[in-house]
PDB file of all heavy atoms in Angstrom:
ATOM      1  N   GLY A   1      99.895 114.237  93.536  1.00  0.00           N
ATOM      2  CA  GLY A   1     100.575 114.426  92.278  1.00  0.00           C
ATOM      3  C   GLY A   1      99.607 114.686  91.148  1.00  0.00           C
ATOM      4  O   GLY A   1      98.445 114.349  91.307  1.00  0.00           O
ATOM      5  N   ALA A   2     100.014 115.255  90.081  1.00  0.00           N
ATOM      6  CA  ALA A   2      99.170 115.670  89.054  1.00  0.00           C
ATOM      7  C   ALA A   2      98.305 114.494  88.469  1.00  0.00           C
ATOM      8  O   ALA A   2      97.130 114.719  88.141  1.00  0.00           O
ATOM      9  CB  ALA A   2     100.022 116.345  87.874  1.00  0.00           C
ATOM     10  N   ASN A   3      98.983 113.328  88.286  1.00  0.00           N
ATOM     11  CA  ASN A   3      98.219 112.207  87.650  1.00  0.00           C
ATOM     12  C   ASN A   3      97.583 111.252  88.675  1.00  0.00           C
ATOM     13  O   ASN A   3      97.155 110.165  88.276  1.00  0.00           O
ATOM     14  CB  ASN A   3      99.190 111.464  86.770  1.00  0.00           C
ATOM     15  CG  ASN A   3      99.483 112.302  85.491  1.00  0.00           C
ATOM     16  OD1 ASN A   3      98.608 112.991  84.975  1.00  0.00           O
ATOM     17  ND2 ASN A   3     100.673 112.223  84.983  1.00  0.00           N
ATOM     18  N   TYR A   4      97.643 111.601  89.976  1.00  0.00           N
ATOM     19  CA  TYR A   4      97.022 110.745  90.957  1.00  0.00           C
ATOM     20  C   TYR A   4      95.503 111.129  90.882  1.00  0.00           C
ATOM     21  O   TYR A   4      95.091 112.280  90.668  1.00  0.00           O
ATOM     22  CB  TYR A   4      97.536 111.053  92.359  1.00  0.00           C
ATOM     23  CG  TYR A   4      98.832 110.405  92.664  1.00  0.00           C
ATOM     24  CD1 TYR A   4     100.022 110.889  92.135  1.00  0.00           C
ATOM     25  CD2 TYR A   4      98.905 109.294  93.421  1.00  0.00           C
ATOM     26  CE1 TYR A   4     101.236 110.312  92.386  1.00  0.00           C
ATOM     27  CE2 TYR A   4     100.159 108.693  93.778  1.00  0.00           C
ATOM     28  CZ  TYR A   4     101.296 109.158  93.229  1.00  0.00           C
ATOM     29  OH  TYR A   4     102.517 108.625  93.469  1.00  0.00           O
ATOM     30  N   PRO A   5      94.554 110.162  91.202  1.00  0.00           N
ATOM     31  CA  PRO A   5      93.193 110.516  91.257  1.00  0.00           C
ATOM     32  C   PRO A   5      92.913 111.500  92.406  1.00  0.00           C
ATOM     33  O   PRO A   5      93.548 111.398  93.412  1.00  0.00           O
ATOM     34  CB  PRO A   5      92.463 109.191  91.525  1.00  0.00           C
ATOM     35  CG  PRO A   5      93.520 108.307  92.171  1.00  0.00           C
ATOM     36  CD  PRO A   5      94.835 108.751  91.570  1.00  0.00           C
ATOM     37  N   VAL A   6      91.987 112.432  92.156  1.00  0.00           N
ATOM     38  CA  VAL A   6      91.616 113.336  93.225  1.00  0.00           C
ATOM     39  C   VAL A   6      90.756 112.540  94.202  1.00  0.00           C
ATOM     40  O   VAL A   6      90.053 111.693  93.834  1.00  0.00           O
ATOM     41  CB  VAL A   6      90.853 114.550  92.626  1.00  0.00           C
ATOM     42  CG1 VAL A   6      89.499 114.239  92.117  1.00  0.00           C
ATOM     43  CG2 VAL A   6      90.776 115.656  93.709  1.00  0.00           C
ATOM     44  N   TYR A   7      90.927 112.851  95.493  1.00  0.00           N
ATOM     45  CA  TYR A   7      90.141 112.277  96.535  1.00  0.00           C
ATOM     46  C   TYR A   7      89.777 113.243  97.621  1.00  0.00           C
ATOM     47  O   TYR A   7      90.194 114.365  97.550  1.00  0.00           O
ATOM     48  CB  TYR A   7      90.789 111.005  97.116  1.00  0.00           C
ATOM     49  CG  TYR A   7      92.241 111.252  97.683  1.00  0.00           C
ATOM     50  CD1 TYR A   7      92.445 111.734  98.943  1.00  0.00           C
ATOM     51  CD2 TYR A   7      93.364 111.041  96.829  1.00  0.00           C
ATOM     52  CE1 TYR A   7      93.788 111.957  99.440  1.00  0.00           C
ATOM     53  CE2 TYR A   7      94.610 111.301  97.283  1.00  0.00           C
ATOM     54  CZ  TYR A   7      94.869 111.717  98.608  1.00  0.00           C
ATOM     55  OH  TYR A   7      96.119 111.965  99.077  1.00  0.00           O
ATOM     56  N   PHE A   8      89.054 112.780  98.580  1.00  0.00           N
ATOM     57  CA  PHE A   8      88.341 113.669  99.559  1.00  0.00           C
ATOM     58  C   PHE A   8      87.442 114.699  98.898  1.00  0.00           C
ATOM     59  O   PHE A   8      87.436 115.891  99.200  1.00  0.00           O
ATOM     60  CB  PHE A   8      89.497 114.383 100.370  1.00  0.00           C
ATOM     61  CG  PHE A   8      88.966 114.770 101.793  1.00  0.00           C
ATOM     62  CD1 PHE A   8      88.780 113.833 102.687  1.00  0.00           C
ATOM     63  CD2 PHE A   8      88.717 116.080 102.137  1.00  0.00           C
ATOM     64  CE1 PHE A   8      88.333 114.159 103.982  1.00  0.00           C
ATOM     65  CE2 PHE A   8      88.317 116.449 103.397  1.00  0.00           C
ATOM     66  CZ  PHE A   8      88.101 115.433 104.363  1.00  0.00           C
ATOM     67  N   VAL A   9      86.605 114.084  98.001  1.00  0.00           N
ATOM     68  CA  VAL A   9      85.664 114.929  97.269  1.00  0.00           C
ATOM     69  C   VAL A   9      84.250 114.309  97.525  1.00  0.00           C
ATOM     70  O   VAL A   9      84.006 113.036  97.433  1.00  0.00           O
ATOM     71  CB  VAL A   9      85.858 114.799  95.740  1.00  0.00           C
ATOM     72  CG1 VAL A   9      84.836 115.520  94.925  1.00  0.00           C
ATOM     73  CG2 VAL A   9      87.307 115.395  95.396  1.00  0.00           C
ATOM     74  N   ASN A  10      83.274 115.154  97.910  1.00  0.00           N
ATOM     75  CA  ASN A  10      81.949 114.656  98.087  1.00  0.00           C
ATOM     76  C   ASN A  10      81.112 114.842  96.794  1.00  0.00           C
ATOM     77  O   ASN A  10      81.610 115.392  95.747  1.00  0.00           O
ATOM     78  CB  ASN A  10      81.248 115.319  99.327  1.00  0.00           C
ATOM     79  CG  ASN A  10      81.069 116.879  99.104  1.00  0.00           C
ATOM     80  OD1 ASN A  10      80.838 117.386  98.017  1.00  0.00           O
ATOM     81  ND2 ASN A  10      81.088 117.570 100.263  1.00  0.00           N
ATOM     82  N   TRP A  11      79.896 114.308  96.833  1.00  0.00           N
ATOM     83  CA  TRP A  11      79.146 114.308  95.593  1.00  0.00           C
ATOM     84  C   TRP A  11      78.796 115.689  95.108  1.00  0.00           C
ATOM     85  O   TRP A  11      78.824 115.985  93.903  1.00  0.00           O
ATOM     86  CB  TRP A  11      77.754 113.535  95.919  1.00  0.00           C
ATOM     87  CG  TRP A  11      76.847 113.355  94.746  1.00  0.00           C
ATOM     88  CD1 TRP A  11      76.822 112.265  93.858  1.00  0.00           C
ATOM     89  CD2 TRP A  11      75.800 114.235  94.297  1.00  0.00           C
ATOM     90  NE1 TRP A  11      75.864 112.483  92.964  1.00  0.00           N
ATOM     91  CE2 TRP A  11      75.226 113.615  93.162  1.00  0.00           C
ATOM     92  CE3 TRP A  11      75.321 115.495  94.744  1.00  0.00           C
ATOM     93  CZ2 TRP A  11      74.161 114.135  92.503  1.00  0.00           C
ATOM     94  CZ3 TRP A  11      74.228 116.029  94.049  1.00  0.00           C
ATOM     95  CH2 TRP A  11      73.661 115.434  92.917  1.00  0.00           C
ATOM     96  N   ILE A  12      78.538 116.641  96.073  1.00  0.00           N
ATOM     97  CA  ILE A  12      78.281 118.059  95.685  1.00  0.00           C
ATOM     98  C   ILE A  12      79.415 118.637  94.938  1.00  0.00           C
ATOM     99  O   ILE A  12      79.233 119.331  93.925  1.00  0.00           O
ATOM    100  CB  ILE A  12      77.877 118.871  96.945  1.00  0.00           C
ATOM    101  CG1 ILE A  12      76.675 118.314  97.630  1.00  0.00           C
ATOM    102  CG2 ILE A  12      77.678 120.304  96.574  1.00  0.00           C
ATOM    103  CD1 ILE A  12      76.413 118.903  99.022  1.00  0.00           C
ATOM    104  N   GLU A  13      80.652 118.385  95.442  1.00  0.00           N
ATOM    105  CA  GLU A  13      81.846 118.964  94.754  1.00  0.00           C
ATOM    106  C   GLU A  13      82.092 118.317  93.445  1.00  0.00           C
ATOM    107  O   GLU A  13      82.518 118.984  92.452  1.00  0.00           O
ATOM    108  CB  GLU A  13      83.013 118.760  95.702  1.00  0.00           C
ATOM    109  CG  GLU A  13      82.918 119.617  96.985  1.00  0.00           C
ATOM    110  CD  GLU A  13      83.960 119.211  98.060  1.00  0.00           C
ATOM    111  OE1 GLU A  13      84.354 117.994  98.071  1.00  0.00           O
ATOM    112  OE2 GLU A  13      84.282 120.030  98.897  1.00  0.00           O
ATOM    113  N   ALA A  14      81.768 117.056  93.318  1.00  0.00           N
ATOM    114  CA  ALA A  14      81.912 116.429  92.025  1.00  0.00           C
ATOM    115  C   ALA A  14      80.954 116.992  90.986  1.00  0.00           C
ATOM    116  O   ALA A  14      81.323 117.258  89.858  1.00  0.00           O
ATOM    117  CB  ALA A  14      81.743 114.878  92.154  1.00  0.00           C
ATOM    118  N   MET A  15      79.766 117.266  91.466  1.00  0.00           N
ATOM    119  CA  MET A  15      78.781 117.904  90.541  1.00  0.00           C
ATOM    120  C   MET A  15      79.136 119.356  90.191  1.00  0.00           C
ATOM    121  O   MET A  15      78.852 119.793  89.086  1.00  0.00           O
ATOM    122  CB  MET A  15      77.329 117.793  91.128  1.00  0.00           C
ATOM    123  CG  MET A  15      76.814 116.380  91.138  1.00  0.00           C
ATOM    124  SD  MET A  15      76.564 115.716  89.491  1.00  0.00           S
ATOM    125  CE  MET A  15      75.216 116.646  88.896  1.00  0.00           C
ATOM    126  N   GLU A  16      79.735 120.074  91.183  1.00  0.00           N
ATOM    127  CA  GLU A  16      80.153 121.414  90.881  1.00  0.00           C
ATOM    128  C   GLU A  16      81.314 121.461  89.905  1.00  0.00           C
ATOM    129  O   GLU A  16      81.358 122.356  88.983  1.00  0.00           O
ATOM    130  CB  GLU A  16      80.623 122.135  92.206  1.00  0.00           C
ATOM    131  CG  GLU A  16      81.076 123.523  92.088  1.00  0.00           C
ATOM    132  CD  GLU A  16      79.954 124.492  91.658  1.00  0.00           C
ATOM    133  OE1 GLU A  16      78.754 124.084  91.827  1.00  0.00           O
ATOM    134  OE2 GLU A  16      80.236 125.553  91.176  1.00  0.00           O
ATOM    135  N   PHE A  17      82.201 120.401  89.922  1.00  0.00           N
ATOM    136  CA  PHE A  17      83.231 120.278  88.932  1.00  0.00           C
ATOM    137  C   PHE A  17      82.592 120.142  87.551  1.00  0.00           C
ATOM    138  O   PHE A  17      82.975 120.791  86.588  1.00  0.00           O
ATOM    139  CB  PHE A  17      84.064 119.019  89.259  1.00  0.00           C
ATOM    140  CG  PHE A  17      85.149 118.698  88.191  1.00  0.00           C
ATOM    141  CD1 PHE A  17      86.401 119.200  88.344  1.00  0.00           C
ATOM    142  CD2 PHE A  17      84.799 117.878  87.094  1.00  0.00           C
ATOM    143  CE1 PHE A  17      87.389 118.819  87.356  1.00  0.00           C
ATOM    144  CE2 PHE A  17      85.802 117.599  86.087  1.00  0.00           C
ATOM    145  CZ  PHE A  17      87.067 118.075  86.265  1.00  0.00           C
ATOM    146  N   CYS A  18      81.560 119.267  87.433  1.00  0.00           N
ATOM    147  CA  CYS A  18      80.893 119.070  86.111  1.00  0.00           C
ATOM    148  C   CYS A  18      80.210 120.368  85.671  1.00  0.00           C
ATOM    149  O   CYS A  18      80.242 120.733  84.448  1.00  0.00           O
ATOM    150  CB  CYS A  18      79.853 117.974  86.257  1.00  0.00           C
ATOM    151  SG  CYS A  18      80.484 116.337  86.627  1.00  0.00           S
ATOM    152  N   LYS A  19      79.624 121.101  86.604  1.00  0.00           N
ATOM    153  CA  LYS A  19      78.934 122.390  86.221  1.00  0.00           C
ATOM    154  C   LYS A  19      79.996 123.370  85.635  1.00  0.00           C
ATOM    155  O   LYS A  19      79.739 123.978  84.619  1.00  0.00           O
ATOM    156  CB  LYS A  19      78.271 122.955  87.454  1.00  0.00           C
ATOM    157  CG  LYS A  19      77.644 124.335  87.204  1.00  0.00           C
ATOM    158  CD  LYS A  19      76.997 124.858  88.475  1.00  0.00           C
ATOM    159  CE  LYS A  19      76.474 126.268  88.203  1.00  0.00           C
ATOM    160  NZ  LYS A  19      75.840 126.821  89.522  1.00  0.00           N
ATOM    161  N   LYS A  20      81.102 123.545  86.330  1.00  0.00           N
ATOM    162  CA  LYS A  20      82.098 124.480  85.822  1.00  0.00           C
ATOM    163  C   LYS A  20      82.776 124.015  84.481  1.00  0.00           C
ATOM    164  O   LYS A  20      83.023 124.790  83.652  1.00  0.00           O
ATOM    165  CB  LYS A  20      83.208 124.645  86.858  1.00  0.00           C
ATOM    166  CG  LYS A  20      82.696 125.426  88.111  1.00  0.00           C
ATOM    167  CD  LYS A  20      83.829 125.833  89.063  1.00  0.00           C
ATOM    168  CE  LYS A  20      83.331 126.647  90.188  1.00  0.00           C
ATOM    169  NZ  LYS A  20      84.391 127.126  91.088  1.00  0.00           N
ATOM    170  N   LEU A  21      82.873 122.695  84.324  1.00  0.00           N
ATOM    171  CA  LEU A  21      83.394 122.165  83.150  1.00  0.00           C
ATOM    172  C   LEU A  21      82.393 122.413  81.925  1.00  0.00           C
ATOM    173  O   LEU A  21      82.808 122.798  80.850  1.00  0.00           O
ATOM    174  CB  LEU A  21      83.652 120.664  83.261  1.00  0.00           C
ATOM    175  CG  LEU A  21      84.218 119.901  82.027  1.00  0.00           C
ATOM    176  CD1 LEU A  21      85.530 120.515  81.595  1.00  0.00           C
ATOM    177  CD2 LEU A  21      84.459 118.413  82.384  1.00  0.00           C
ATOM    178  N   ASN A  22      81.111 122.261  82.256  1.00  0.00           N
ATOM    179  CA  ASN A  22      80.142 122.580  81.238  1.00  0.00           C
ATOM    180  C   ASN A  22      80.283 124.062  80.787  1.00  0.00           C
ATOM    181  O   ASN A  22      80.187 124.344  79.583  1.00  0.00           O
ATOM    182  CB  ASN A  22      78.728 122.345  81.700  1.00  0.00           C
ATOM    183  CG  ASN A  22      78.345 120.939  81.663  1.00  0.00           C
ATOM    184  OD1 ASN A  22      78.607 120.190  80.645  1.00  0.00           O
ATOM    185  ND2 ASN A  22      77.761 120.362  82.703  1.00  0.00           N
ATOM    186  N   GLU A  23      80.394 124.944  81.725  1.00  0.00           N
ATOM    187  CA  GLU A  23      80.473 126.426  81.442  1.00  0.00           C
ATOM    188  C   GLU A  23      81.735 126.679  80.559  1.00  0.00           C
ATOM    189  O   GLU A  23      81.678 127.422  79.587  1.00  0.00           O
ATOM    190  CB  GLU A  23      80.532 127.192  82.750  1.00  0.00           C
ATOM    191  CG  GLU A  23      79.227 127.173  83.557  1.00  0.00           C
ATOM    192  CD  GLU A  23      79.368 127.708  84.938  1.00  0.00           C
ATOM    193  OE1 GLU A  23      80.551 128.082  85.335  1.00  0.00           O
ATOM    194  OE2 GLU A  23      78.374 127.869  85.606  1.00  0.00           O
ATOM    195  N   GLN A  24      82.818 126.010  80.940  1.00  0.00           N
ATOM    196  CA  GLN A  24      84.129 126.266  80.199  1.00  0.00           C
ATOM    197  C   GLN A  24      83.959 125.775  78.793  1.00  0.00           C
ATOM    198  O   GLN A  24      84.369 126.453  77.792  1.00  0.00           O
ATOM    199  CB  GLN A  24      85.265 125.601  80.901  1.00  0.00           C
ATOM    200  CG  GLN A  24      86.594 125.638  80.099  1.00  0.00           C
ATOM    201  CD  GLN A  24      87.736 125.066  80.878  1.00  0.00           C
ATOM    202  OE1 GLN A  24      87.989 125.463  81.960  1.00  0.00           O
ATOM    203  NE2 GLN A  24      88.390 124.078  80.282  1.00  0.00           N
ATOM    204  N   GLU A  25      83.410 124.520  78.604  1.00  0.00           N
ATOM    205  CA  GLU A  25      83.327 123.907  77.315  1.00  0.00           C
ATOM    206  C   GLU A  25      82.327 124.568  76.431  1.00  0.00           C
ATOM    207  O   GLU A  25      82.430 124.630  75.235  1.00  0.00           O
ATOM    208  CB  GLU A  25      83.060 122.387  77.437  1.00  0.00           C
ATOM    209  CG  GLU A  25      84.207 121.644  77.971  1.00  0.00           C
ATOM    210  CD  GLU A  25      85.500 121.891  77.186  1.00  0.00           C
ATOM    211  OE1 GLU A  25      85.577 121.384  76.082  1.00  0.00           O
ATOM    212  OE2 GLU A  25      86.417 122.578  77.681  1.00  0.00           O
ATOM    213  N   LYS A  26      81.203 125.086  76.992  1.00  0.00           N
ATOM    214  CA  LYS A  26      80.233 125.789  76.246  1.00  0.00           C
ATOM    215  C   LYS A  26      80.785 127.106  75.719  1.00  0.00           C
ATOM    216  O   LYS A  26      80.576 127.452  74.591  1.00  0.00           O
ATOM    217  CB  LYS A  26      78.996 126.107  77.141  1.00  0.00           C
ATOM    218  CG  LYS A  26      77.794 126.722  76.356  1.00  0.00           C
ATOM    219  CD  LYS A  26      76.583 126.822  77.220  1.00  0.00           C
ATOM    220  CE  LYS A  26      75.436 127.442  76.476  1.00  0.00           C
ATOM    221  NZ  LYS A  26      74.207 127.577  77.258  1.00  0.00           N
ATOM    222  N   THR A  27      81.561 127.799  76.571  1.00  0.00           N
ATOM    223  CA  THR A  27      82.203 129.041  76.130  1.00  0.00           C
ATOM    224  C   THR A  27      83.181 128.748  74.970  1.00  0.00           C
ATOM    225  O   THR A  27      83.328 129.507  74.060  1.00  0.00           O
ATOM    226  CB  THR A  27      82.972 129.700  77.271  1.00  0.00           C
ATOM    227  OG1 THR A  27      81.973 130.025  78.323  1.00  0.00           O
ATOM    228  CG2 THR A  27      83.679 130.947  76.870  1.00  0.00           C
ATOM    229  N   ALA A  28      83.917 127.585  75.079  1.00  0.00           N
ATOM    230  CA  ALA A  28      84.853 127.246  74.051  1.00  0.00           C
ATOM    231  C   ALA A  28      84.296 126.696  72.816  1.00  0.00           C
ATOM    232  O   ALA A  28      84.998 126.475  71.815  1.00  0.00           O
ATOM    233  CB  ALA A  28      85.893 126.218  74.624  1.00  0.00           C
ATOM    234  N   GLY A  29      82.979 126.441  72.814  1.00  0.00           N
ATOM    235  CA  GLY A  29      82.309 125.948  71.623  1.00  0.00           C
ATOM    236  C   GLY A  29      82.454 124.487  71.359  1.00  0.00           C
ATOM    237  O   GLY A  29      82.249 124.022  70.235  1.00  0.00           O
ATOM    238  N   ARG A  30      82.843 123.710  72.376  1.00  0.00           N
ATOM    239  CA  ARG A  30      83.179 122.303  72.267  1.00  0.00           C
ATOM    240  C   ARG A  30      82.104 121.385  72.848  1.00  0.00           C
ATOM    241  O   ARG A  30      82.221 120.200  72.666  1.00  0.00           O
ATOM    242  CB  ARG A  30      84.553 121.982  72.877  1.00  0.00           C
ATOM    243  CG  ARG A  30      85.735 122.581  72.127  1.00  0.00           C
ATOM    244  CD  ARG A  30      87.025 121.975  72.734  1.00  0.00           C
ATOM    245  NE  ARG A  30      87.205 122.398  74.164  1.00  0.00           N
ATOM    246  CZ  ARG A  30      87.992 123.319  74.522  1.00  0.00           C
ATOM    247  NH1 ARG A  30      88.717 124.063  73.647  1.00  0.00           N
ATOM    248  NH2 ARG A  30      88.152 123.643  75.807  1.00  0.00           N
ATOM    249  N   LEU A  31      81.082 121.994  73.428  1.00  0.00           N
ATOM    250  CA  LEU A  31      80.078 121.114  74.088  1.00  0.00           C
ATOM    251  C   LEU A  31      79.089 120.625  73.064  1.00  0.00           C
ATOM    252  O   LEU A  31      78.308 121.430  72.467  1.00  0.00           O
ATOM    253  CB  LEU A  31      79.408 121.948  75.167  1.00  0.00           C
ATOM    254  CG  LEU A  31      78.459 121.102  76.148  1.00  0.00           C
ATOM    255  CD1 LEU A  31      79.375 120.112  76.972  1.00  0.00           C
ATOM    256  CD2 LEU A  31      77.765 122.061  77.126  1.00  0.00           C
ATOM    257  N   PRO A  32      78.998 119.336  72.758  1.00  0.00           N
ATOM    258  CA  PRO A  32      78.084 118.823  71.744  1.00  0.00           C
ATOM    259  C   PRO A  32      76.614 119.169  72.166  1.00  0.00           C
ATOM    260  O   PRO A  32      76.260 119.045  73.319  1.00  0.00           O
ATOM    261  CB  PRO A  32      78.381 117.306  71.777  1.00  0.00           C
ATOM    262  CG  PRO A  32      79.710 117.128  72.326  1.00  0.00           C
ATOM    263  CD  PRO A  32      79.819 118.267  73.360  1.00  0.00           C
ATOM    264  N   GLU A  33      75.850 119.487  71.188  1.00  0.00           N
ATOM    265  CA  GLU A  33      74.450 119.887  71.394  1.00  0.00           C
ATOM    266  C   GLU A  33      73.700 118.654  72.003  1.00  0.00           C
ATOM    267  O   GLU A  33      73.787 117.513  71.504  1.00  0.00           O
ATOM    268  CB  GLU A  33      73.744 120.329  70.083  1.00  0.00           C
ATOM    269  CG  GLU A  33      72.353 120.788  70.265  1.00  0.00           C
ATOM    270  CD  GLU A  33      71.784 121.328  68.946  1.00  0.00           C
ATOM    271  OE1 GLU A  33      72.441 121.163  67.905  1.00  0.00           O
ATOM    272  OE2 GLU A  33      70.674 121.895  69.012  1.00  0.00           O
ATOM    273  N   GLY A  34      72.925 118.942  73.097  1.00  0.00           N
ATOM    274  CA  GLY A  34      72.190 117.879  73.719  1.00  0.00           C
ATOM    275  C   GLY A  34      72.948 117.043  74.721  1.00  0.00           C
ATOM    276  O   GLY A  34      72.399 116.098  75.283  1.00  0.00           O
ATOM    277  N   TYR A  35      74.188 117.391  74.941  1.00  0.00           N
ATOM    278  CA  TYR A  35      75.009 116.670  75.885  1.00  0.00           C
ATOM    279  C   TYR A  35      75.505 117.613  77.006  1.00  0.00           C
ATOM    280  O   TYR A  35      75.655 118.781  76.827  1.00  0.00           O
ATOM    281  CB  TYR A  35      76.263 115.976  75.228  1.00  0.00           C
ATOM    282  CG  TYR A  35      75.891 114.747  74.467  1.00  0.00           C
ATOM    283  CD1 TYR A  35      75.201 114.826  73.245  1.00  0.00           C
ATOM    284  CD2 TYR A  35      76.187 113.511  74.996  1.00  0.00           C
ATOM    285  CE1 TYR A  35      74.887 113.652  72.555  1.00  0.00           C
ATOM    286  CE2 TYR A  35      75.883 112.341  74.324  1.00  0.00           C
ATOM    287  CZ  TYR A  35      75.239 112.407  73.130  1.00  0.00           C
ATOM    288  OH  TYR A  35      74.919 111.183  72.436  1.00  0.00           O
ATOM    289  N   GLU A  36      75.844 117.008  78.210  1.00  0.00           N
ATOM    290  CA  GLU A  36      76.398 117.824  79.235  1.00  0.00           C
ATOM    291  C   GLU A  36      77.331 116.909  80.065  1.00  0.00           C
ATOM    292  O   GLU A  36      77.178 115.724  80.141  1.00  0.00           O
ATOM    293  CB  GLU A  36      75.279 118.348  80.200  1.00  0.00           C
ATOM    294  CG  GLU A  36      74.529 117.274  80.936  1.00  0.00           C
ATOM    295  CD  GLU A  36      73.417 117.747  81.777  1.00  0.00           C
ATOM    296  OE1 GLU A  36      73.243 119.025  81.940  1.00  0.00           O
ATOM    297  OE2 GLU A  36      72.642 116.948  82.405  1.00  0.00           O
ATOM    298  N   TYR A  37      78.299 117.531  80.731  1.00  0.00           N
ATOM    299  CA  TYR A  37      79.205 116.867  81.615  1.00  0.00           C
ATOM    300  C   TYR A  37      78.485 116.637  82.934  1.00  0.00           C
ATOM    301  O   TYR A  37      77.870 117.566  83.478  1.00  0.00           O
ATOM    302  CB  TYR A  37      80.469 117.650  81.869  1.00  0.00           C
ATOM    303  CG  TYR A  37      81.452 117.591  80.699  1.00  0.00           C
ATOM    304  CD1 TYR A  37      81.443 118.581  79.724  1.00  0.00           C
ATOM    305  CD2 TYR A  37      82.241 116.480  80.539  1.00  0.00           C
ATOM    306  CE1 TYR A  37      82.225 118.486  78.651  1.00  0.00           C
ATOM    307  CE2 TYR A  37      83.145 116.388  79.445  1.00  0.00           C
ATOM    308  CZ  TYR A  37      83.177 117.443  78.497  1.00  0.00           C
ATOM    309  OH  TYR A  37      83.958 117.308  77.422  1.00  0.00           O
TER     310      TYR A  37
END
């Protein structure tokens, strides 16, 4: 379900999620300077 925690995720995939989130938020202009997901 939408609000259930995601599972069956390894460390590499979790870090890839963070990488893509950084790209999206940087493009949107919301990523605070000096910080990263």
